């Protein structure tokens, strides 16, 4: 048995495009051969499920969500979850750069996703309906696994991440273009996949990982993984091979 894991946005689904039918067909062939396939994403469970409903022929064997903070099986049963300490949630939300921002922000629990009332007039870029929370309401939320911000640029995302992680070294800023996802430091795609293998007891003869941006880099390096042709040069340099699509990678390793 082999195991394949793909990032979703920009990798399995090209940016601002639907998942190609050829990718879904390749997944079916991969699974028919007895191999495992899953999606490893920065999206929360509710958001990736919202997207997957568009593709009824696609049946992942597992999902690694929130950059590795949440892992579920094909029945959507929780296998692992890394929740932020309540004091960390409160502290981060009370930082001046957070309270004063006009950037759109989200708070994600194990199962749900909310907008934070930052007064932003900018859309977060998601079509799924979300309830809006005040900062006081957000501070009281339980089982928070991720706090996200959409910045104006990659440079701003990196600067905000540096300031937050300086104050909260137990957090990591998983950056995907101009978006930041703040998770516990142990929540990254590399360790999310390692937790999946540990709790399932799966022992694949080969583990394939493919992704296209910064939050995929640790997994690409650890699993000697792959990237796609649309990725930035730093990802192509780190990858073992560059494929035109996830489907091409799967078919090449059947």
C-alpha atoms as a PDB file:
ATOM      1  CA  UNK A   1       0.000   0.000   0.000  1.00  0.00           C
ATOM      2  CA  UNK A   2       1.161   3.502  -0.879  1.00  0.00           C
ATOM      3  CA  UNK A   3      -0.173   6.728   0.607  1.00  0.00           C
ATOM      4  CA  UNK A   4      -0.638   9.989  -1.284  1.00  0.00           C
ATOM      5  CA  UNK A   5      -1.347  13.394   0.242  1.00  0.00           C
ATOM      6  CA  UNK A   6      -2.037  16.570  -1.680  1.00  0.00           C
ATOM      7  CA  UNK A   7      -2.493  20.194  -0.794  1.00  0.00           C
ATOM      8  CA  UNK A   8      -5.834  21.442  -2.123  1.00  0.00           C
ATOM      9  CA  UNK A   9      -5.691  25.115  -3.152  1.00  0.00           C
ATOM     10  CA  UNK A  10      -3.198  25.697  -5.934  1.00  0.00           C
ATOM     11  CA  UNK A  11      -2.227  22.037  -6.124  1.00  0.00           C
ATOM     12  CA  UNK A  12      -5.145  19.600  -6.421  1.00  0.00           C
ATOM     13  CA  UNK A  13      -7.363  22.486  -7.538  1.00  0.00           C
ATOM     14  CA  UNK A  14      -5.495  25.099  -9.599  1.00  0.00           C
ATOM     15  CA  UNK A  15      -5.996  28.636  -8.279  1.00  0.00           C
ATOM     16  CA  UNK A  16      -9.489  29.978  -9.004  1.00  0.00           C
ATOM     17  CA  UNK A  17     -10.290  26.848 -10.995  1.00  0.00           C
ATOM     18  CA  UNK A  18     -12.215  23.649 -10.225  1.00  0.00           C
ATOM     19  CA  UNK A  19     -10.480  20.338  -9.627  1.00  0.00           C
ATOM     20  CA  UNK A  20      -9.623  18.888 -13.056  1.00  0.00           C
ATOM     21  CA  UNK A  21     -11.546  15.737 -13.970  1.00  0.00           C
ATOM     22  CA  UNK A  22      -8.203  14.097 -14.780  1.00  0.00           C
ATOM     23  CA  UNK A  23      -7.145  14.465 -11.125  1.00  0.00           C
ATOM     24  CA  UNK A  24     -10.331  12.808  -9.878  1.00  0.00           C
ATOM     25  CA  UNK A  25      -9.961   9.983 -12.408  1.00  0.00           C
ATOM     26  CA  UNK A  26      -6.356   9.420 -11.326  1.00  0.00           C
ATOM     27  CA  UNK A  27      -7.434   9.257  -7.665  1.00  0.00           C
ATOM     28  CA  UNK A  28      -9.988   6.561  -8.549  1.00  0.00           C
ATOM     29  CA  UNK A  29      -7.306   4.490 -10.295  1.00  0.00           C
ATOM     30  CA  UNK A  30      -4.953   5.013  -7.346  1.00  0.00           C
ATOM     31  CA  UNK A  31      -7.515   3.833  -4.806  1.00  0.00           C
ATOM     32  CA  UNK A  32      -8.630   0.932  -7.018  1.00  0.00           C
ATOM     33  CA  UNK A  33      -5.029  -0.291  -6.879  1.00  0.00           C
ATOM     34  CA  UNK A  34      -5.313  -0.490  -3.082  1.00  0.00           C
ATOM     35  CA  UNK A  35      -3.553   2.757  -2.229  1.00  0.00           C
ATOM     36  CA  UNK A  36      -4.655   5.543   0.156  1.00  0.00           C
ATOM     37  CA  UNK A  37      -5.413   9.101  -0.921  1.00  0.00           C
ATOM     38  CA  UNK A  38      -6.080  12.175   1.177  1.00  0.00           C
ATOM     39  CA  UNK A  39      -6.088  15.947   1.218  1.00  0.00           C
ATOM     40  CA  UNK A  40      -3.728  17.902   3.454  1.00  0.00           C
ATOM     41  CA  UNK A  41      -4.933  21.488   3.668  1.00  0.00           C
ATOM     42  CA  UNK A  42      -4.889  24.692   5.641  1.00  0.00           C
ATOM     43  CA  UNK A  43      -8.669  24.767   5.321  1.00  0.00           C
ATOM     44  CA  UNK A  44     -10.819  23.801   8.263  1.00  0.00           C
ATOM     45  CA  UNK A  45     -13.014  20.718   8.126  1.00  0.00           C
ATOM     46  CA  UNK A  46     -16.225  22.606   7.296  1.00  0.00           C
ATOM     47  CA  UNK A  47     -14.576  24.527   4.454  1.00  0.00           C
ATOM     48  CA  UNK A  48     -12.896  21.572   2.756  1.00  0.00           C
ATOM     49  CA  UNK A  49     -16.119  19.562   3.102  1.00  0.00           C
ATOM     50  CA  UNK A  50     -17.991  22.456   1.462  1.00  0.00           C
ATOM     51  CA  UNK A  51     -15.602  22.199  -1.482  1.00  0.00           C
ATOM     52  CA  UNK A  52     -15.603  18.404  -1.730  1.00  0.00           C
ATOM     53  CA  UNK A  53     -19.399  18.302  -2.080  1.00  0.00           C
ATOM     54  CA  UNK A  54     -18.872  19.646  -5.591  1.00  0.00           C
ATOM     55  CA  UNK A  55     -17.095  16.410  -6.525  1.00  0.00           C
ATOM     56  CA  UNK A  56     -19.287  13.404  -5.637  1.00  0.00           C
ATOM     57  CA  UNK A  57     -16.898  11.000  -7.389  1.00  0.00           C
ATOM     58  CA  UNK A  58     -14.067  11.975  -5.029  1.00  0.00           C
ATOM     59  CA  UNK A  59     -13.768   9.955  -1.813  1.00  0.00           C
ATOM     60  CA  UNK A  60     -10.616  10.764   0.207  1.00  0.00           C
ATOM     61  CA  UNK A  61      -9.493   8.112   2.688  1.00  0.00           C
ATOM     62  CA  UNK A  62      -8.585  10.852   5.173  1.00  0.00           C
ATOM     63  CA  UNK A  63      -8.364  14.613   5.591  1.00  0.00           C
ATOM     64  CA  UNK A  64      -5.596  16.529   7.339  1.00  0.00           C
ATOM     65  CA  UNK A  65      -7.099  19.972   8.024  1.00  0.00           C
ATOM     66  CA  UNK A  66      -5.976  23.254   9.593  1.00  0.00           C
ATOM     67  CA  UNK A  67      -2.374  22.651   8.524  1.00  0.00           C
ATOM     68  CA  UNK A  68      -2.233  19.407  10.500  1.00  0.00           C
ATOM     69  CA  UNK A  69      -4.162  20.468  13.606  1.00  0.00           C
ATOM     70  CA  UNK A  70      -7.153  18.255  12.776  1.00  0.00           C
ATOM     71  CA  UNK A  71      -7.054  14.752  11.276  1.00  0.00           C
ATOM     72  CA  UNK A  72     -10.179  12.766  10.329  1.00  0.00           C
ATOM     73  CA  UNK A  73     -10.797   9.445   8.600  1.00  0.00           C
ATOM     74  CA  UNK A  74     -13.082   8.699   5.654  1.00  0.00           C
ATOM     75  CA  UNK A  75     -16.078   8.613   8.025  1.00  0.00           C
ATOM     76  CA  UNK A  76     -15.032  12.069   9.293  1.00  0.00           C
ATOM     77  CA  UNK A  77     -14.264  10.672  12.736  1.00  0.00           C
ATOM     78  CA  UNK A  78     -11.609  12.649  14.611  1.00  0.00           C
ATOM     79  CA  UNK A  79      -8.251  10.897  14.809  1.00  0.00           C
ATOM     80  CA  UNK A  80      -6.247  13.836  16.168  1.00  0.00           C
ATOM     81  CA  UNK A  81      -6.841  17.431  17.219  1.00  0.00           C
ATOM     82  CA  UNK A  82      -4.509  20.169  18.470  1.00  0.00           C
ATOM     83  CA  UNK A  83      -6.492  22.937  20.168  1.00  0.00           C
ATOM     84  CA  UNK A  84      -4.970  26.255  21.191  1.00  0.00           C
ATOM     85  CA  UNK A  85      -4.809  26.914  24.954  1.00  0.00           C
ATOM     86  CA  UNK A  86      -7.560  29.318  26.017  1.00  0.00           C
ATOM     87  CA  UNK A  87      -5.032  31.830  27.341  1.00  0.00           C
ATOM     88  CA  UNK A  88      -3.192  31.810  24.017  1.00  0.00           C
ATOM     89  CA  UNK A  89      -6.434  32.517  22.142  1.00  0.00           C
ATOM     90  CA  UNK A  90      -7.240  35.415  24.472  1.00  0.00           C
ATOM     91  CA  UNK A  91      -3.719  36.801  24.343  1.00  0.00           C
ATOM     92  CA  UNK A  92      -3.433  36.699  20.576  1.00  0.00           C
ATOM     93  CA  UNK A  93      -6.835  38.331  20.107  1.00  0.00           C
ATOM     94  CA  UNK A  94      -5.859  41.106  22.536  1.00  0.00           C
ATOM     95  CA  UNK A  95      -2.613  42.003  20.739  1.00  0.00           C
ATOM     96  CA  UNK A  96      -2.745  45.570  19.443  1.00  0.00           C
ATOM     97  CA  UNK A  97      -1.841  44.578  15.882  1.00  0.00           C
ATOM     98  CA  UNK A  98      -4.838  42.222  15.906  1.00  0.00           C
ATOM     99  CA  UNK A  99      -7.309  44.569  17.630  1.00  0.00           C
ATOM    100  CA  UNK A 100      -6.336  47.447  15.346  1.00  0.00           C
ATOM    101  CA  UNK A 101      -6.241  45.548  12.068  1.00  0.00           C
ATOM    102  CA  UNK A 102      -8.752  46.119   9.304  1.00  0.00           C
ATOM    103  CA  UNK A 103      -7.709  42.869   7.658  1.00  0.00           C
ATOM    104  CA  UNK A 104     -10.380  40.165   7.550  1.00  0.00           C
ATOM    105  CA  UNK A 105      -9.863  37.426  10.146  1.00  0.00           C
ATOM    106  CA  UNK A 106     -11.368  34.023  10.900  1.00  0.00           C
ATOM    107  CA  UNK A 107     -11.490  31.783  13.937  1.00  0.00           C
ATOM    108  CA  UNK A 108     -11.773  28.031  13.416  1.00  0.00           C
ATOM    109  CA  UNK A 109     -12.813  25.401  15.919  1.00  0.00           C
ATOM    110  CA  UNK A 110     -12.530  21.661  15.287  1.00  0.00           C
ATOM    111  CA  UNK A 111     -15.742  21.689  13.257  1.00  0.00           C
ATOM    112  CA  UNK A 112     -16.821  25.272  12.531  1.00  0.00           C
ATOM    113  CA  UNK A 113     -15.556  28.546  11.129  1.00  0.00           C
ATOM    114  CA  UNK A 114     -16.384  32.143  12.081  1.00  0.00           C
ATOM    115  CA  UNK A 115     -15.539  35.636  10.886  1.00  0.00           C
ATOM    116  CA  UNK A 116     -14.073  38.076  13.409  1.00  0.00           C
ATOM    117  CA  UNK A 117     -15.568  41.552  13.500  1.00  0.00           C
ATOM    118  CA  UNK A 118     -12.504  43.606  12.540  1.00  0.00           C
ATOM    119  CA  UNK A 119     -14.567  46.173  10.664  1.00  0.00           C
ATOM    120  CA  UNK A 120     -12.995  44.993   7.421  1.00  0.00           C
ATOM    121  CA  UNK A 121     -14.692  45.860   4.148  1.00  0.00           C
ATOM    122  CA  UNK A 122     -12.532  43.273   2.370  1.00  0.00           C
ATOM    123  CA  UNK A 123     -13.946  39.841   1.673  1.00  0.00           C
ATOM    124  CA  UNK A 124     -11.967  36.922   3.084  1.00  0.00           C
ATOM    125  CA  UNK A 125     -12.382  35.302  -0.308  1.00  0.00           C
ATOM    126  CA  UNK A 126     -14.616  32.430   0.813  1.00  0.00           C
ATOM    127  CA  UNK A 127     -18.112  31.707  -0.453  1.00  0.00           C
ATOM    128  CA  UNK A 128     -19.233  29.650   2.543  1.00  0.00           C
ATOM    129  CA  UNK A 129     -21.555  31.586   4.901  1.00  0.00           C
ATOM    130  CA  UNK A 130     -19.991  32.365   8.277  1.00  0.00           C
ATOM    131  CA  UNK A 131     -21.340  33.781  11.528  1.00  0.00           C
ATOM    132  CA  UNK A 132     -19.536  36.911  12.716  1.00  0.00           C
ATOM    133  CA  UNK A 133     -18.110  37.008  16.243  1.00  0.00           C
ATOM    134  CA  UNK A 134     -17.099  39.987  18.345  1.00  0.00           C
ATOM    135  CA  UNK A 135     -13.646  39.763  19.894  1.00  0.00           C
ATOM    136  CA  UNK A 136     -15.253  39.091  23.285  1.00  0.00           C
ATOM    137  CA  UNK A 137     -17.263  36.217  21.827  1.00  0.00           C
ATOM    138  CA  UNK A 138     -14.182  34.870  20.072  1.00  0.00           C
ATOM    139  CA  UNK A 139     -12.183  34.857  23.310  1.00  0.00           C
ATOM    140  CA  UNK A 140     -14.821  32.619  24.894  1.00  0.00           C
ATOM    141  CA  UNK A 141     -14.811  30.018  22.109  1.00  0.00           C
ATOM    142  CA  UNK A 142     -13.654  26.497  22.959  1.00  0.00           C
ATOM    143  CA  UNK A 143     -11.714  23.945  20.909  1.00  0.00           C
ATOM    144  CA  UNK A 144     -10.110  26.638  18.748  1.00  0.00           C
ATOM    145  CA  UNK A 145      -7.570  25.105  16.379  1.00  0.00           C
ATOM    146  CA  UNK A 146      -6.752  28.069  14.148  1.00  0.00           C
ATOM    147  CA  UNK A 147      -6.920  31.860  13.881  1.00  0.00           C
ATOM    148  CA  UNK A 148      -6.425  33.232  10.371  1.00  0.00           C
ATOM    149  CA  UNK A 149      -5.781  36.612   8.785  1.00  0.00           C
ATOM    150  CA  UNK A 150      -5.829  37.789   5.192  1.00  0.00           C
ATOM    151  CA  UNK A 151      -3.092  40.387   4.741  1.00  0.00           C
ATOM    152  CA  UNK A 152      -2.521  42.804   1.876  1.00  0.00           C
ATOM    153  CA  UNK A 153       0.754  41.163   0.844  1.00  0.00           C
ATOM    154  CA  UNK A 154       3.108  38.287   1.561  1.00  0.00           C
ATOM    155  CA  UNK A 155       5.459  40.776   3.212  1.00  0.00           C
ATOM    156  CA  UNK A 156       2.760  41.923   5.628  1.00  0.00           C
ATOM    157  CA  UNK A 157       1.871  38.301   6.378  1.00  0.00           C
ATOM    158  CA  UNK A 158       5.495  37.571   7.239  1.00  0.00           C
ATOM    159  CA  UNK A 159       5.759  40.683   9.445  1.00  0.00           C
ATOM    160  CA  UNK A 160       2.547  39.869  11.350  1.00  0.00           C
ATOM    161  CA  UNK A 161       3.696  36.270  11.798  1.00  0.00           C
ATOM    162  CA  UNK A 162       7.047  37.400  13.204  1.00  0.00           C
ATOM    163  CA  UNK A 163       5.359  39.686  15.755  1.00  0.00           C
ATOM    164  CA  UNK A 164       2.790  37.112  16.886  1.00  0.00           C
ATOM    165  CA  UNK A 165       5.243  34.220  17.203  1.00  0.00           C
ATOM    166  CA  UNK A 166       7.686  36.444  19.108  1.00  0.00           C
ATOM    167  CA  UNK A 167       4.998  36.931  21.757  1.00  0.00           C
ATOM    168  CA  UNK A 168       3.607  33.394  21.510  1.00  0.00           C
ATOM    169  CA  UNK A 169       6.461  31.003  20.682  1.00  0.00           C
ATOM    170  CA  UNK A 170       4.105  28.017  21.015  1.00  0.00           C
ATOM    171  CA  UNK A 171       2.392  29.201  17.815  1.00  0.00           C
ATOM    172  CA  UNK A 172       3.402  28.928  14.185  1.00  0.00           C
ATOM    173  CA  UNK A 173       2.221  31.110  11.336  1.00  0.00           C
ATOM    174  CA  UNK A 174       1.458  28.855   8.378  1.00  0.00           C
ATOM    175  CA  UNK A 175       1.659  31.229   5.406  1.00  0.00           C
ATOM    176  CA  UNK A 176      -0.021  30.575   2.056  1.00  0.00           C
ATOM    177  CA  UNK A 177       0.528  33.593  -0.170  1.00  0.00           C
ATOM    178  CA  UNK A 178      -0.957  36.582   1.731  1.00  0.00           C
ATOM    179  CA  UNK A 179      -2.944  34.418   4.176  1.00  0.00           C
ATOM    180  CA  UNK A 180      -1.705  33.411   7.644  1.00  0.00           C
ATOM    181  CA  UNK A 181      -3.045  30.538   9.715  1.00  0.00           C
ATOM    182  CA  UNK A 182      -1.932  30.621  13.350  1.00  0.00           C
ATOM    183  CA  UNK A 183      -1.809  27.120  14.809  1.00  0.00           C
ATOM    184  CA  UNK A 184       0.076  25.355  17.561  1.00  0.00           C
ATOM    185  CA  UNK A 185       3.692  24.841  16.519  1.00  0.00           C
ATOM    186  CA  UNK A 186       3.106  21.090  16.229  1.00  0.00           C
ATOM    187  CA  UNK A 187       0.372  21.759  13.661  1.00  0.00           C
ATOM    188  CA  UNK A 188       1.970  21.586  10.261  1.00  0.00           C
ATOM    189  CA  UNK A 189       1.284  19.337   7.318  1.00  0.00           C
ATOM    190  CA  UNK A 190       4.393  17.227   7.893  1.00  0.00           C
ATOM    191  CA  UNK A 191       3.472  16.395  11.483  1.00  0.00           C
ATOM    192  CA  UNK A 192      -0.221  16.082  10.631  1.00  0.00           C
ATOM    193  CA  UNK A 193       0.629  13.273   8.238  1.00  0.00           C
ATOM    194  CA  UNK A 194       2.944  11.691  10.785  1.00  0.00           C
ATOM    195  CA  UNK A 195       0.113  11.738  13.342  1.00  0.00           C
ATOM    196  CA  UNK A 196      -2.198  10.144  10.771  1.00  0.00           C
ATOM    197  CA  UNK A 197       0.246   7.287  10.220  1.00  0.00           C
ATOM    198  CA  UNK A 198       0.726   6.805  13.952  1.00  0.00           C
ATOM    199  CA  UNK A 199      -2.954   6.658  14.929  1.00  0.00           C
ATOM    200  CA  UNK A 200      -4.027   4.506  11.966  1.00  0.00           C
ATOM    201  CA  UNK A 201      -1.068   2.165  12.137  1.00  0.00           C
ATOM    202  CA  UNK A 202      -0.710   2.443   8.377  1.00  0.00           C
ATOM    203  CA  UNK A 203       2.750   1.520   7.139  1.00  0.00           C
ATOM    204  CA  UNK A 204       2.876   2.587   3.493  1.00  0.00           C
ATOM    205  CA  UNK A 205       5.753   1.366   1.374  1.00  0.00           C
ATOM    206  CA  UNK A 206       5.854   4.873  -0.072  1.00  0.00           C
ATOM    207  CA  UNK A 207       4.414   8.216   1.082  1.00  0.00           C
ATOM    208  CA  UNK A 208       3.838  10.826  -1.607  1.00  0.00           C
ATOM    209  CA  UNK A 209       3.263  14.472  -0.727  1.00  0.00           C
ATOM    210  CA  UNK A 210       2.652  17.295  -3.178  1.00  0.00           C
ATOM    211  CA  UNK A 211       2.104  20.996  -2.457  1.00  0.00           C
ATOM    212  CA  UNK A 212       2.777  24.436  -3.879  1.00  0.00           C
ATOM    213  CA  UNK A 213       3.473  27.013  -1.146  1.00  0.00           C
ATOM    214  CA  UNK A 214       5.225  27.837   2.139  1.00  0.00           C
ATOM    215  CA  UNK A 215       2.900  25.832   4.377  1.00  0.00           C
ATOM    216  CA  UNK A 216       3.683  22.746   2.267  1.00  0.00           C
ATOM    217  CA  UNK A 217       7.448  23.129   2.485  1.00  0.00           C
ATOM    218  CA  UNK A 218       8.146  21.119   5.692  1.00  0.00           C
ATOM    219  CA  UNK A 219       6.200  18.142   4.311  1.00  0.00           C
ATOM    220  CA  UNK A 220       7.849  18.395   0.887  1.00  0.00           C
ATOM    221  CA  UNK A 221      11.270  18.344   2.534  1.00  0.00           C
ATOM    222  CA  UNK A 222      10.491  15.564   5.033  1.00  0.00           C
ATOM    223  CA  UNK A 223       8.769  13.201   2.585  1.00  0.00           C
ATOM    224  CA  UNK A 224      11.041  14.123  -0.347  1.00  0.00           C
ATOM    225  CA  UNK A 225       7.868  15.332  -1.971  1.00  0.00           C
ATOM    226  CA  UNK A 226       6.744  17.032  -5.124  1.00  0.00           C
ATOM    227  CA  UNK A 227       5.277  20.257  -6.443  1.00  0.00           C
ATOM    228  CA  UNK A 228       3.371  21.540  -9.471  1.00  0.00           C
ATOM    229  CA  UNK A 229       4.503  23.674 -12.387  1.00  0.00           C
ATOM    230  CA  UNK A 230       2.607  26.731 -11.108  1.00  0.00           C
ATOM    231  CA  UNK A 231       4.528  26.772  -7.795  1.00  0.00           C
ATOM    232  CA  UNK A 232       7.064  29.425  -6.846  1.00  0.00           C
ATOM    233  CA  UNK A 233      10.757  28.757  -7.633  1.00  0.00           C
ATOM    234  CA  UNK A 234      11.631  28.013  -3.972  1.00  0.00           C
ATOM    235  CA  UNK A 235       9.152  25.132  -3.987  1.00  0.00           C
ATOM    236  CA  UNK A 236      10.544  23.727  -7.214  1.00  0.00           C
ATOM    237  CA  UNK A 237      14.035  23.856  -5.737  1.00  0.00           C
ATOM    238  CA  UNK A 238      12.903  21.914  -2.653  1.00  0.00           C
ATOM    239  CA  UNK A 239      10.850  19.316  -4.528  1.00  0.00           C
ATOM    240  CA  UNK A 240      12.145  15.981  -5.730  1.00  0.00           C
ATOM    241  CA  UNK A 241      10.216  16.464  -8.971  1.00  0.00           C
ATOM    242  CA  UNK A 242       7.808  18.931 -10.561  1.00  0.00           C
ATOM    243  CA  UNK A 243       4.578  17.533 -12.021  1.00  0.00           C
ATOM    244  CA  UNK A 244       2.008  19.224 -14.229  1.00  0.00           C
ATOM    245  CA  UNK A 245      -0.767  17.945 -11.941  1.00  0.00           C
ATOM    246  CA  UNK A 246      -1.544  15.740  -8.946  1.00  0.00           C
ATOM    247  CA  UNK A 247      -3.067  13.209 -11.320  1.00  0.00           C
ATOM    248  CA  UNK A 248       0.208  12.912 -13.209  1.00  0.00           C
ATOM    249  CA  UNK A 249       2.056  12.251  -9.948  1.00  0.00           C
ATOM    250  CA  UNK A 250      -0.381   9.517  -8.928  1.00  0.00           C
ATOM    251  CA  UNK A 251      -0.272   7.756 -12.289  1.00  0.00           C
ATOM    252  CA  UNK A 252       3.531   7.895 -12.335  1.00  0.00           C
ATOM    253  CA  UNK A 253       3.663   5.997  -9.022  1.00  0.00           C
ATOM    254  CA  UNK A 254       1.002   3.352  -9.627  1.00  0.00           C
END
